[in-house]
């Protein structure tokens, strides 16, 4: 590839060649491998989109970007523009990182007057070529690049404000434009709930699907300011329509720790969870962060199912047997659980339908301030007949 890599660019690398192995000529071909250059889009976190906050110093919090699956190339990258390029003409890729972000806050609309801006850099001292094969250095680089930042915006006037994060194409020149822009978040300064429908807004009858999903939704707390007392062990937090009992917790917000969430419609079992990014107000209502169910029965097959997206991967007969055994384990079927038992995933919701046992296996579950999502697999069949394995997408769960 000629020229320099461009921030925000999408590229592919491919190599092939022949070599002699004993008396045999062997052809090697890597296939095409895609990669991107630069940071991913920024992730606004709080105030939550559409939240209402009091006038004064409004603290904006965001994540620079989601970390990629692989930050560092697997081997040193050298650009040689022709097959006969002399070694002294090789271009060695050092992977110097210098990424510059801009924060903009507008009043009235996403294109309204800018009432605040800020900017900064990440990664200026990082060279990817120095990280190859060094796990601890890679971890340190990821922590330096993909992290949470905050900015305090003094706002005294009521109204609706919009904020967005942008990554510069040229860190030294703001006029060069941007290669990535985050979603636009808004917040209201003044009175009234963030979820209140404006007067005069026409309403329509929800569809059956919308009505079903609406039952799963909880309103975001109107108070999205940190509680003075903080979060402590044994506190009971309101997380959407569920209760999170704190078992362990970090010293300061955003809180990370462990706990349990009781699910009344599943025999009141207490799901073991790990939580992160948690922020709660004085009433211990969670308005930011998430909790994910622990996996305390993680076999190879279950791991494949949990990591799949929208489908069950091709399973061998042995893997189907393994999955069936996990979901049929009486200690993991809801019907056999002792009320209020603490457990991790997977679990099976079992029912008998038309003389056949049907098991809906929950293999992932995540809780957010306004909603909870499980991912399930299923199996059905009479005893002695091979089970039929299927999968479903993320659904919401609720209880009333």
Protein backbone atom coordinates (compact mmCIF):
# COMPACT_ATOMS: atom_id res chain seq x y z
CA UNK A 1 0.00 0.00 0.00
CA UNK A 2 1.48 3.33 -0.98
CA UNK A 3 1.36 6.44 1.16
CA UNK A 4 0.57 6.79 4.84
CA UNK A 5 -2.33 5.26 6.70
CA UNK A 6 -5.25 7.68 7.04
CA UNK A 7 -7.16 8.03 10.30
CA UNK A 8 -10.58 6.45 9.97
CA UNK A 9 -9.45 4.39 6.99
CA UNK A 10 -10.40 0.75 6.43
CA UNK A 11 -7.66 -1.47 5.01
CA UNK A 12 -6.87 -5.08 4.25
CA UNK A 13 -3.57 -6.87 4.18
CA UNK A 14 -2.80 -9.97 2.19
CA UNK A 15 0.35 -11.91 1.52
CA UNK A 16 1.17 -14.97 -0.50
CA UNK A 17 4.31 -16.71 -1.64
CA UNK A 18 6.11 -19.94 -2.46
CA UNK A 19 8.82 -21.70 -0.56
CA UNK A 20 10.60 -25.04 -0.78
CA UNK A 21 10.00 -27.62 1.93
CA UNK A 22 12.44 -30.48 1.34
CA UNK A 23 11.83 -31.35 -2.30
CA UNK A 24 8.30 -29.94 -2.32
CA UNK A 25 7.29 -26.45 -3.40
CA UNK A 26 4.66 -25.02 -1.03
CA UNK A 27 2.38 -22.10 -1.75
CA UNK A 28 1.29 -19.98 1.20
CA UNK A 29 -1.62 -17.54 1.26
CA UNK A 30 -2.89 -15.63 4.32
CA UNK A 31 -6.14 -14.52 2.74
CA UNK A 32 -7.32 -10.95 3.25
CA UNK A 33 -7.21 -9.59 6.79
CA UNK A 34 -9.11 -6.31 7.46
CA UNK A 35 -7.95 -3.61 9.87
CA UNK A 36 -8.83 -0.02 10.70
CA UNK A 37 -6.74 2.98 11.65
CA UNK A 38 -7.62 5.42 14.42
CA UNK A 39 -10.02 5.46 17.34
CA UNK A 40 -13.60 4.23 17.25
CA UNK A 41 -16.49 6.67 17.85
CA UNK A 42 -16.68 8.20 21.33
CA UNK A 43 -19.34 6.87 23.73
CA UNK A 44 -21.37 9.49 25.66
CA UNK A 45 -22.40 8.09 29.05
CA UNK A 46 -23.95 10.76 31.24
CA UNK A 47 -26.08 12.66 31.67
CA UNK A 48 -28.11 9.92 30.02
CA UNK A 49 -29.70 10.87 26.73
CA UNK A 50 -32.86 12.88 27.46
CA UNK A 51 -32.14 13.31 31.19
CA UNK A 52 -33.10 16.37 33.22
CA UNK A 53 -30.43 18.00 35.37
CA UNK A 54 -30.39 21.06 37.65
CA UNK A 55 -28.75 24.30 36.60
CA UNK A 56 -25.17 24.74 37.69
CA UNK A 57 -22.07 22.69 36.94
CA UNK A 58 -23.14 19.83 34.64
CA UNK A 59 -20.60 17.01 34.52
CA UNK A 60 -20.38 15.26 31.16
CA UNK A 61 -18.87 11.77 31.20
CA UNK A 62 -17.89 9.70 28.19
CA UNK A 63 -15.69 6.85 27.07
CA UNK A 64 -13.09 7.66 24.44
CA UNK A 65 -14.08 4.57 22.38
CA UNK A 66 -14.66 0.84 22.68
CA UNK A 67 -11.40 -1.12 22.63
CA UNK A 68 -10.79 -3.13 19.46
CA UNK A 69 -10.51 -6.89 19.46
CA UNK A 70 -6.78 -6.55 18.77
CA UNK A 71 -4.86 -3.33 19.29
CA UNK A 72 -1.41 -4.44 18.15
CA UNK A 73 -0.40 -6.11 14.86
CA UNK A 74 0.69 -9.75 15.34
CA UNK A 75 4.09 -8.98 13.81
CA UNK A 76 6.20 -6.03 12.71
CA UNK A 77 4.79 -4.18 9.71
CA UNK A 78 7.13 -3.20 6.89
CA UNK A 79 6.03 -1.44 3.73
CA UNK A 80 7.91 -2.56 0.63
CA UNK A 81 6.30 -1.08 -2.48
CA UNK A 82 7.79 -3.59 -4.92
CA UNK A 83 9.08 -7.14 -4.88
CA UNK A 84 12.64 -6.00 -5.49
CA UNK A 85 12.66 -3.21 -2.90
CA UNK A 86 16.09 -2.99 -1.28
CA UNK A 87 16.16 -3.39 2.52
CA UNK A 88 17.45 0.14 2.96
CA UNK A 89 14.27 1.39 1.27
CA UNK A 90 11.89 -0.47 3.56
CA UNK A 91 9.41 1.70 5.43
CA UNK A 92 9.02 0.50 9.00
CA UNK A 93 5.61 1.16 10.55
CA UNK A 94 6.13 2.40 14.12
CA UNK A 95 2.44 2.83 14.91
CA UNK A 96 2.86 6.18 16.65
CA UNK A 97 -0.46 7.11 18.23
CA UNK A 98 -1.53 10.73 18.52
CA UNK A 99 -5.30 11.08 18.62
CA UNK A 100 -7.08 14.35 19.37
CA UNK A 101 -10.69 14.67 20.50
CA UNK A 102 -13.07 17.64 20.56
CA UNK A 103 -16.15 18.02 22.74
CA UNK A 104 -18.92 20.39 21.67
CA UNK A 105 -22.04 21.44 23.59
CA UNK A 106 -24.83 23.19 21.68
CA UNK A 107 -27.97 24.90 22.93
CA UNK A 108 -31.40 24.42 21.37
CA UNK A 109 -30.43 21.89 18.71
CA UNK A 110 -27.54 19.73 17.59
CA UNK A 111 -26.60 22.52 15.19
CA UNK A 112 -27.35 25.37 17.59
CA UNK A 113 -24.96 27.85 19.10
CA UNK A 114 -21.86 26.30 20.70
CA UNK A 115 -21.88 27.25 24.39
CA UNK A 116 -18.93 25.09 25.45
CA UNK A 117 -16.06 23.18 23.90
CA UNK A 118 -13.06 21.29 25.13
CA UNK A 119 -10.37 19.10 23.60
CA UNK A 120 -7.52 16.79 24.46
CA UNK A 121 -5.21 14.01 23.27
CA UNK A 122 -4.64 10.35 24.04
CA UNK A 123 -1.74 8.06 23.24
CA UNK A 124 0.92 10.62 22.33
CA UNK A 125 3.74 8.53 23.86
CA UNK A 126 2.53 5.17 22.51
CA UNK A 127 4.20 3.34 19.60
CA UNK A 128 2.46 0.11 18.58
CA UNK A 129 5.69 -1.37 17.24
CA UNK A 130 7.09 -1.29 20.79
CA UNK A 131 4.18 -3.33 22.14
CA UNK A 132 4.42 -6.43 19.93
CA UNK A 133 4.69 -9.50 22.17
CA UNK A 134 4.52 -7.48 25.41
CA UNK A 135 1.21 -8.32 27.10
CA UNK A 136 1.60 -5.97 30.06
CA UNK A 137 2.54 -3.06 27.79
CA UNK A 138 -0.47 -3.76 25.56
CA UNK A 139 -2.76 -3.72 28.60
CA UNK A 140 -1.28 -0.42 29.78
CA UNK A 141 -1.72 1.07 26.30
CA UNK A 142 -5.37 -0.02 26.11
CA UNK A 143 -6.04 1.54 29.52
CA UNK A 144 -4.43 4.79 28.37
CA UNK A 145 -6.41 4.92 25.13
CA UNK A 146 -9.84 3.49 25.98
CA UNK A 147 -10.93 5.20 29.18
CA UNK A 148 -13.57 7.44 30.71
CA UNK A 149 -13.16 11.22 30.67
CA UNK A 150 -15.21 14.05 32.12
CA UNK A 151 -15.76 17.74 31.52
CA UNK A 152 -17.64 20.22 33.72
CA UNK A 153 -19.93 22.63 31.89
CA UNK A 154 -21.34 25.63 33.81
CA UNK A 155 -24.95 26.16 32.70
CA UNK A 156 -27.31 28.65 34.32
CA UNK A 157 -30.03 28.98 31.68
CA UNK A 158 -32.89 26.50 31.34
CA UNK A 159 -33.27 24.73 28.02
CA UNK A 160 -32.23 21.67 26.07
CA UNK A 161 -28.56 21.11 25.33
CA UNK A 162 -26.84 18.72 22.93
CA UNK A 163 -23.32 17.32 23.15
CA UNK A 164 -21.09 15.30 20.86
CA UNK A 165 -17.52 13.98 20.68
CA UNK A 166 -15.35 14.10 17.57
CA UNK A 167 -11.95 12.69 16.53
CA UNK A 168 -9.77 14.96 14.40
CA UNK A 169 -8.34 13.83 11.08
CA UNK A 170 -5.24 15.88 11.88
CA UNK A 171 -4.44 16.25 15.58
CA UNK A 172 -2.65 19.54 14.91
CA UNK A 173 -5.29 21.09 12.64
CA UNK A 174 -8.93 21.41 13.69
CA UNK A 175 -9.87 22.75 10.25
CA UNK A 176 -8.98 19.39 8.65
CA UNK A 177 -12.30 17.96 9.85
CA UNK A 178 -13.17 14.76 11.70
CA UNK A 179 -13.02 11.06 10.89
CA UNK A 180 -15.39 9.86 13.62
CA UNK A 181 -18.24 11.53 15.49
CA UNK A 182 -20.20 10.09 18.40
CA UNK A 183 -23.95 9.88 18.80
CA UNK A 184 -25.50 13.19 19.87
CA UNK A 185 -26.82 13.14 23.44
CA UNK A 186 -29.20 15.74 24.85
CA UNK A 187 -30.10 16.85 28.35
CA UNK A 188 -32.55 19.34 29.74
CA UNK A 189 -31.70 21.96 32.32
CA UNK A 190 -34.79 22.91 34.31
CA UNK A 191 -37.86 21.25 35.79
CA UNK A 192 -39.95 18.34 34.53
CA UNK A 193 -39.18 14.70 33.90
CA UNK A 194 -37.07 13.63 30.98
CA UNK A 195 -39.65 11.09 29.90
CA UNK A 196 -42.66 13.45 30.02
CA UNK A 197 -44.48 13.70 26.69
CA UNK A 198 -44.72 17.39 25.64
CA UNK A 199 -48.21 18.85 25.75
CA UNK A 200 -50.07 18.59 22.48
CA UNK A 201 -47.93 15.74 21.17
CA UNK A 202 -50.17 13.34 19.21
CA UNK A 203 -50.20 9.80 20.46
CA UNK A 204 -50.86 6.54 18.64
CA UNK A 205 -51.98 3.18 19.88
CA UNK A 206 -48.91 0.98 20.26
CA UNK A 207 -48.61 -2.18 18.20
CA UNK A 208 -48.80 -5.52 20.00
CA UNK A 209 -45.01 -5.81 19.80
CA UNK A 210 -44.49 -2.26 21.12
CA UNK A 211 -46.91 -2.88 23.97
CA UNK A 212 -45.06 -6.06 24.91
CA UNK A 213 -41.68 -4.32 24.90
CA UNK A 214 -43.12 -1.36 26.83
CA UNK A 215 -43.86 -3.70 29.73
CA UNK A 216 -40.11 -4.33 29.98
CA UNK A 217 -39.11 -0.69 30.07
CA UNK A 218 -38.53 1.30 33.22
CA UNK A 219 -38.20 5.07 33.22
CA UNK A 220 -34.75 6.45 33.81
CA UNK A 221 -34.66 8.14 37.25
CA UNK A 222 -35.36 11.86 36.98
CA UNK A 223 -32.59 12.48 39.53
CA UNK A 224 -29.34 11.65 37.73
CA UNK A 225 -27.02 13.28 40.25
CA UNK A 226 -24.67 11.15 42.40
CA UNK A 227 -25.94 10.31 45.88
CA UNK A 228 -23.98 11.95 48.67
CA UNK A 229 -23.71 8.73 50.67
CA UNK A 230 -22.31 6.65 47.80
CA UNK A 231 -22.85 2.89 47.36
CA UNK A 232 -21.85 0.34 50.00
CA UNK A 233 -21.94 -3.41 50.69
CA UNK A 234 -25.49 -4.66 51.44
CA UNK A 235 -27.11 -1.63 49.79
CA UNK A 236 -30.16 -2.51 47.68
CA UNK A 237 -30.14 -0.60 44.41
CA UNK A 238 -33.13 -0.09 42.13
CA UNK A 239 -31.99 -1.14 38.66
CA UNK A 240 -34.88 -0.77 36.27
CA UNK A 241 -37.57 -3.16 37.50
CA UNK A 242 -35.14 -5.25 39.54
CA UNK A 243 -33.28 -5.02 42.85
CA UNK A 244 -29.50 -5.30 42.96
CA UNK A 245 -28.04 -6.34 46.34
CA UNK A 246 -24.42 -5.23 46.59
CA UNK A 247 -21.93 -7.87 47.80
CA UNK A 248 -18.64 -6.15 46.95
CA UNK A 249 -18.06 -2.65 45.60
CA UNK A 250 -15.23 -0.31 44.65
CA UNK A 251 -14.45 2.75 46.73
CA UNK A 252 -15.70 5.45 44.37
CA UNK A 253 -18.00 5.99 41.39
CA UNK A 254 -18.40 4.76 38.75
CA UNK A 255 -18.77 1.63 40.89
CA UNK A 256 -17.55 -1.85 40.00
CA UNK A 257 -18.33 -4.93 42.04
CA UNK A 258 -20.49 -8.01 42.52
CA UNK A 259 -23.97 -8.70 43.78
CA UNK A 260 -27.21 -10.58 43.25
CA UNK A 261 -30.43 -9.65 41.46
CA UNK A 262 -33.63 -11.43 42.51
CA UNK A 263 -35.88 -12.52 39.65
CA UNK A 264 -39.36 -13.08 41.15
CA UNK A 265 -40.91 -14.83 38.12
CA UNK A 266 -38.10 -17.43 38.13
CA UNK A 267 -38.88 -18.92 41.53
CA UNK A 268 -37.30 -15.85 43.16
CA UNK A 269 -33.83 -17.08 42.27
CA UNK A 270 -30.98 -14.68 42.96
CA UNK A 271 -28.81 -14.24 39.90
CA UNK A 272 -25.15 -13.68 40.67
CA UNK A 273 -23.89 -10.64 38.75
CA UNK A 274 -20.80 -8.55 38.10
CA UNK A 275 -21.51 -4.85 37.68
CA UNK A 276 -19.50 -1.95 36.30
CA UNK A 277 -19.90 1.74 35.60
CA UNK A 278 -22.68 1.96 38.19
CA UNK A 279 -23.87 5.40 39.31
CA UNK A 280 -26.81 5.86 41.67
CA UNK A 281 -28.63 8.84 43.16
CA UNK A 282 -29.45 9.47 46.83
CA UNK A 283 -32.49 7.16 46.58
CA UNK A 284 -30.13 4.38 45.40
CA UNK A 285 -31.72 4.42 41.94
CA UNK A 286 -29.22 3.37 39.26
CA UNK A 287 -29.04 5.75 36.32
CA UNK A 288 -25.84 4.55 34.61
CA UNK A 289 -23.88 1.31 34.27
CA UNK A 290 -24.79 -2.32 33.78
CA UNK A 291 -24.74 -5.70 35.51
CA UNK A 292 -24.04 -9.02 33.79
CA UNK A 293 -24.93 -12.45 35.09
CA UNK A 294 -21.97 -14.57 36.16
CA UNK A 295 -21.25 -17.84 34.40
CA UNK A 296 -20.49 -20.51 36.97
CA UNK A 297 -20.89 -23.51 34.64
CA UNK A 298 -18.73 -22.53 31.67
CA UNK A 299 -17.96 -25.50 29.43
CA UNK A 300 -16.59 -25.16 25.94
CA UNK A 301 -19.98 -25.64 24.31
CA UNK A 302 -21.74 -23.19 26.64
CA UNK A 303 -19.03 -20.64 25.90
CA UNK A 304 -19.68 -21.04 22.16
CA UNK A 305 -23.39 -20.52 22.69
CA UNK A 306 -22.88 -17.51 24.95
CA UNK A 307 -20.59 -15.81 22.49
CA UNK A 308 -22.81 -16.44 19.47
CA UNK A 309 -24.87 -13.60 18.04
CA UNK A 310 -28.34 -14.57 16.94
CA UNK A 311 -27.67 -18.21 16.25
CA UNK A 312 -26.38 -21.42 17.71
CA UNK A 313 -23.13 -22.40 16.04
CA UNK A 314 -22.89 -25.82 14.39
CA UNK A 315 -22.73 -28.32 17.20
CA UNK A 316 -21.45 -31.85 17.03
CA UNK A 317 -23.47 -34.69 18.53
CA UNK A 318 -21.19 -34.62 21.58
CA UNK A 319 -21.64 -30.88 21.99
CA UNK A 320 -25.42 -31.21 21.73
CA UNK A 321 -25.29 -33.85 24.46
CA UNK A 322 -23.18 -31.53 26.61
CA UNK A 323 -25.55 -28.62 26.15
CA UNK A 324 -28.57 -30.82 26.84
CA UNK A 325 -26.99 -32.16 30.02
CA UNK A 326 -26.26 -28.65 31.27
CA UNK A 327 -29.84 -27.51 30.68
CA UNK A 328 -31.35 -30.70 32.12
CA UNK A 329 -29.28 -30.55 35.31
CA UNK A 330 -31.92 -30.43 38.06
CA UNK A 331 -29.74 -27.95 39.93
CA UNK A 332 -30.07 -25.56 36.97
CA UNK A 333 -33.74 -26.01 36.11
CA UNK A 334 -35.95 -23.31 37.59
CA UNK A 335 -38.55 -25.90 38.64
CA UNK A 336 -35.96 -27.62 40.81
CA UNK A 337 -34.36 -24.56 42.36
CA UNK A 338 -34.89 -23.79 46.00
CA UNK A 339 -36.64 -20.43 46.35
CA UNK A 340 -34.16 -17.55 46.65
CA UNK A 341 -31.24 -19.78 45.66
CA UNK A 342 -28.13 -17.94 44.41
CA UNK A 343 -26.89 -19.18 41.06
CA UNK A 344 -25.06 -18.15 37.89
CA UNK A 345 -25.64 -19.12 34.27
CA UNK A 346 -26.75 -21.12 32.43
CA UNK A 347 -30.20 -21.89 33.83
CA UNK A 348 -33.16 -23.66 32.23
CA UNK A 349 -36.83 -22.66 32.31
CA UNK A 350 -38.61 -25.98 31.93
CA UNK A 351 -42.22 -26.71 31.05
CA UNK A 352 -44.16 -29.74 29.81
CA UNK A 353 -46.12 -29.03 26.65
CA UNK A 354 -48.20 -31.73 25.01
CA UNK A 355 -46.33 -34.48 26.82
CA UNK A 356 -42.93 -33.14 25.78
CA UNK A 357 -40.48 -31.33 27.99
CA UNK A 358 -39.50 -27.94 26.67
CA UNK A 359 -36.47 -26.21 28.15
CA UNK A 360 -35.64 -22.58 27.44
CA UNK A 361 -32.01 -22.13 28.44
CA UNK A 362 -30.80 -18.69 29.49
CA UNK A 363 -27.13 -18.44 28.54
CA UNK A 364 -26.58 -14.69 28.89
CA UNK A 365 -28.32 -11.98 30.90
CA UNK A 366 -27.60 -8.28 31.25
CA UNK A 367 -29.34 -5.65 33.38
CA UNK A 368 -29.41 -1.93 32.56
CA UNK A 369 -31.06 1.06 34.30
CA UNK A 370 -34.13 0.86 32.06
CA UNK A 371 -34.24 -2.74 30.84
CA UNK A 372 -32.95 -6.29 31.24
CA UNK A 373 -31.94 -8.59 28.40
CA UNK A 374 -31.41 -12.37 28.32
CA UNK A 375 -30.12 -14.47 25.45
CA UNK A 376 -31.60 -17.92 25.25
CA UNK A 377 -31.20 -21.24 23.56
CA UNK A 378 -33.85 -23.93 23.54
CA UNK A 379 -34.39 -27.63 23.28
CA UNK A 380 -37.43 -29.84 23.15
CA UNK A 381 -38.25 -33.47 22.65
CA UNK A 382 -39.53 -36.57 24.44
CA UNK A 383 -37.12 -38.75 26.36
CA UNK A 384 -34.93 -40.90 24.15
CA UNK A 385 -35.22 -38.68 21.08
CA UNK A 386 -32.45 -36.31 20.06
CA UNK A 387 -33.17 -32.79 21.18
CA UNK A 388 -33.86 -30.03 18.71
CA UNK A 389 -31.50 -27.14 19.37
CA UNK A 390 -32.48 -23.62 18.45
CA UNK A 391 -31.69 -20.08 19.46
CA UNK A 392 -33.33 -16.73 19.90
CA UNK A 393 -32.10 -13.14 19.92
CA UNK A 394 -31.93 -10.84 22.94
CA UNK A 395 -35.32 -10.44 24.58
CA UNK A 396 -36.36 -8.16 27.37
CA UNK A 397 -37.59 -9.48 30.70
CA UNK A 398 -39.77 -7.91 33.36
CA UNK A 399 -42.10 -8.75 36.17
CA UNK A 400 -45.12 -7.06 37.67
